[in-house]
Amino acid sequence: MRIVRYVTVIVVLLLIAACGARNQQPTVAITVDEAWVRPALASGNTAAYMRITNHTDIPITLTSISADFAGIVQIHQTVVENDIAHTQHLENGMRIGAGETLNLQPGGYHVMMMNVQQALNEGETVSISLTFDNGETMTVEAEIRNGTAEVE
């Protein structure tokens, strides 16, 4: 009798574990946090910064970014040559290695936003859409705030 009781308990526990595993949410491939945009005047330019983490075991490329409030949105990298800083448009996107986090920050990788359609005032938030080569598209809310260069 004891064996039947133990076997019954084990079977019930296995069924509970199987049901719980089936209800788990799938792992998120990409997360974006700490998104912010510099204030700007209408018809001016600004930049957006954020931290993007690739939680997969394969590289993912950020292929494009869009924002309703800007006429042109491009992925850029600041490069220093002969003590002069300039930005380069990354036409093929930005690769984020497997398990890596990419910091978009002043003085480094950033999102250049040109021909801003409206004034962007400190304290407000705006939406930015990101598209990745794995087919994932996400919209992030970015706070408009002043910031300083934080190159690591």
Protein backbone atom coordinates (compact mmCIF):
# COMPACT_ATOMS: atom_id res chain seq x y z
CA MET A 1 0.00 0.00 0.00
CA ARG A 2 2.80 2.41 0.81
CA ILE A 3 4.34 1.92 -2.64
CA VAL A 4 1.03 2.73 -4.35
CA ARG A 5 0.70 5.88 -2.26
CA TYR A 6 4.29 7.00 -3.11
CA VAL A 7 3.80 6.27 -6.80
CA THR A 8 0.53 8.24 -6.77
CA VAL A 9 2.23 11.22 -5.12
CA ILE A 10 5.10 11.11 -7.63
CA VAL A 11 2.69 10.95 -10.59
CA VAL A 12 0.69 13.91 -9.25
CA LEU A 13 3.86 15.96 -8.73
CA LEU A 14 5.06 15.17 -12.25
CA LEU A 15 1.69 16.25 -13.69
CA ILE A 16 1.81 19.51 -11.74
CA ALA A 17 5.36 20.18 -12.93
CA ALA A 18 4.41 19.45 -16.55
CA CYS A 19 1.44 21.83 -16.41
CA GLY A 20 3.57 24.56 -14.86
CA ALA A 21 6.27 24.22 -17.54
CA ARG A 22 3.67 24.52 -20.30
CA ASN A 23 2.37 27.83 -18.87
CA GLN A 24 5.78 29.55 -18.71
CA GLN A 25 6.24 32.59 -20.92
CA PRO A 26 8.82 32.35 -23.73
CA THR A 27 12.18 33.97 -23.12
CA VAL A 28 12.45 37.57 -24.36
CA ALA A 29 15.06 37.85 -27.11
CA ILE A 30 15.78 41.58 -26.78
CA THR A 31 15.26 44.15 -24.06
CA VAL A 32 15.69 47.91 -24.25
CA ASP A 33 15.99 50.14 -21.20
CA GLU A 34 17.27 53.54 -20.09
CA ALA A 35 15.97 55.18 -23.31
CA TRP A 36 16.22 58.98 -23.45
CA VAL A 37 16.26 61.78 -26.02
CA ARG A 38 17.86 65.20 -25.85
CA PRO A 39 15.49 68.20 -25.96
CA ALA A 40 15.16 69.89 -29.37
CA LEU A 41 13.41 72.68 -31.18
CA ALA A 42 11.03 71.98 -34.05
CA SER A 43 12.99 71.63 -37.34
CA GLY A 44 16.17 70.94 -35.36
CA ASN A 45 18.18 67.80 -34.72
CA THR A 46 18.56 65.62 -31.65
CA ALA A 47 19.88 62.24 -30.55
CA ALA A 48 18.47 59.27 -28.65
CA TYR A 49 20.34 56.92 -26.36
CA MET A 50 19.46 53.59 -24.74
CA ARG A 51 20.76 50.23 -23.63
CA ILE A 52 19.91 47.20 -25.80
CA THR A 53 20.48 43.65 -24.54
CA ASN A 54 20.47 40.53 -26.72
CA HIS A 55 19.34 37.60 -24.55
CA THR A 56 19.79 35.00 -27.32
CA ASP A 57 22.74 32.80 -28.20
CA ILE A 58 23.05 34.29 -31.71
CA PRO A 59 24.00 37.81 -32.87
CA ILE A 60 21.11 40.15 -33.72
CA THR A 61 21.31 43.31 -35.82
CA LEU A 62 19.32 46.46 -35.15
CA THR A 63 18.41 47.25 -38.75
CA SER A 64 16.31 50.40 -38.43
CA ILE A 65 14.78 52.90 -36.04
CA SER A 66 11.83 55.20 -36.64
CA ALA A 67 10.07 57.98 -34.76
CA ASP A 68 6.95 59.89 -35.81
CA PHE A 69 8.41 63.16 -34.56
CA ALA A 70 11.54 63.14 -36.81
CA GLY A 71 11.86 63.33 -40.59
CA ILE A 72 15.10 61.28 -40.70
CA VAL A 73 16.21 58.71 -38.12
CA GLN A 74 19.57 56.96 -38.50
CA ILE A 75 21.89 54.78 -36.44
CA HIS A 76 25.23 56.59 -35.99
CA GLN A 77 28.59 56.03 -34.37
CA THR A 78 30.88 58.80 -33.16
CA VAL A 79 34.43 58.30 -34.41
CA VAL A 80 37.51 60.32 -33.44
CA GLU A 81 40.18 60.72 -36.14
CA ASN A 82 43.15 63.07 -35.75
CA ASP A 83 41.58 64.48 -32.57
CA ILE A 84 38.42 65.44 -34.48
CA ALA A 85 35.11 63.77 -33.65
CA HIS A 86 32.57 63.09 -36.39
CA THR A 87 29.66 60.73 -36.79
CA GLN A 88 29.22 57.89 -39.26
CA HIS A 89 25.87 56.60 -40.46
CA LEU A 90 25.75 52.81 -40.00
CA GLU A 91 23.84 51.90 -43.15
CA ASN A 92 23.86 48.16 -42.40
CA GLY A 93 22.59 48.56 -38.85
CA MET A 94 24.23 47.75 -35.56
CA ARG A 95 25.21 44.21 -34.54
CA ILE A 96 24.56 43.09 -30.97
CA GLY A 97 26.47 39.93 -30.14
CA ALA A 98 24.97 36.88 -28.45
CA GLY A 99 24.35 37.63 -24.79
CA GLU A 100 25.77 41.15 -25.15
CA THR A 101 24.52 44.58 -24.11
CA LEU A 102 25.12 47.57 -26.35
CA ASN A 103 25.08 51.02 -24.77
CA LEU A 104 24.01 53.85 -27.03
CA GLN A 105 25.43 56.91 -25.31
CA PRO A 106 26.82 60.37 -25.99
CA GLY A 107 30.19 60.11 -27.71
CA GLY A 108 29.55 56.58 -29.01
CA TYR A 109 26.74 54.75 -30.76
CA HIS A 110 23.54 56.80 -30.88
CA VAL A 111 20.33 57.40 -32.82
CA MET A 112 20.52 60.60 -34.88
CA MET A 113 17.15 62.30 -35.38
CA MET A 114 17.01 65.07 -37.95
CA ASN A 115 14.25 67.44 -39.05
CA VAL A 116 12.40 67.16 -35.75
CA GLN A 117 8.72 67.91 -36.41
CA GLN A 118 7.83 69.28 -32.96
CA ALA A 119 9.53 70.82 -29.95
CA LEU A 120 10.84 68.13 -27.60
CA ASN A 121 10.64 69.49 -24.07
CA GLU A 122 12.44 68.13 -21.05
CA GLY A 123 10.21 65.89 -18.92
CA GLU A 124 8.01 64.70 -21.81
CA THR A 125 8.21 61.23 -23.37
CA VAL A 126 8.26 60.10 -27.00
CA SER A 127 7.90 56.73 -28.72
CA ILE A 128 10.71 55.18 -30.77
CA SER A 129 10.30 52.00 -32.85
CA LEU A 130 13.18 49.57 -33.30
CA THR A 131 13.37 46.80 -35.91
CA PHE A 132 15.78 43.85 -35.70
CA ASP A 133 16.92 41.33 -38.32
CA ASN A 134 15.24 38.47 -36.42
CA GLY A 135 11.88 40.04 -37.32
CA GLU A 136 11.26 41.52 -33.90
CA THR A 137 9.92 45.08 -33.76
CA MET A 138 9.42 46.95 -30.51
CA THR A 139 8.38 50.40 -29.42
CA VAL A 140 10.08 52.03 -26.47
CA GLU A 141 9.14 55.11 -24.51
CA ALA A 142 12.02 57.56 -24.13
CA GLU A 143 12.17 60.42 -21.65
CA ILE A 144 13.28 63.78 -22.99
CA ARG A 145 16.11 65.04 -20.80
CA ASN A 146 19.46 66.73 -20.84
CA GLY A 147 22.49 64.51 -20.44
CA THR A 148 26.23 64.55 -20.48
CA ALA A 149 28.79 62.40 -22.24
CA GLU A 150 29.21 59.10 -20.41
CA VAL A 151 31.60 57.25 -22.71
CA GLU A 152 32.94 54.10 -21.04
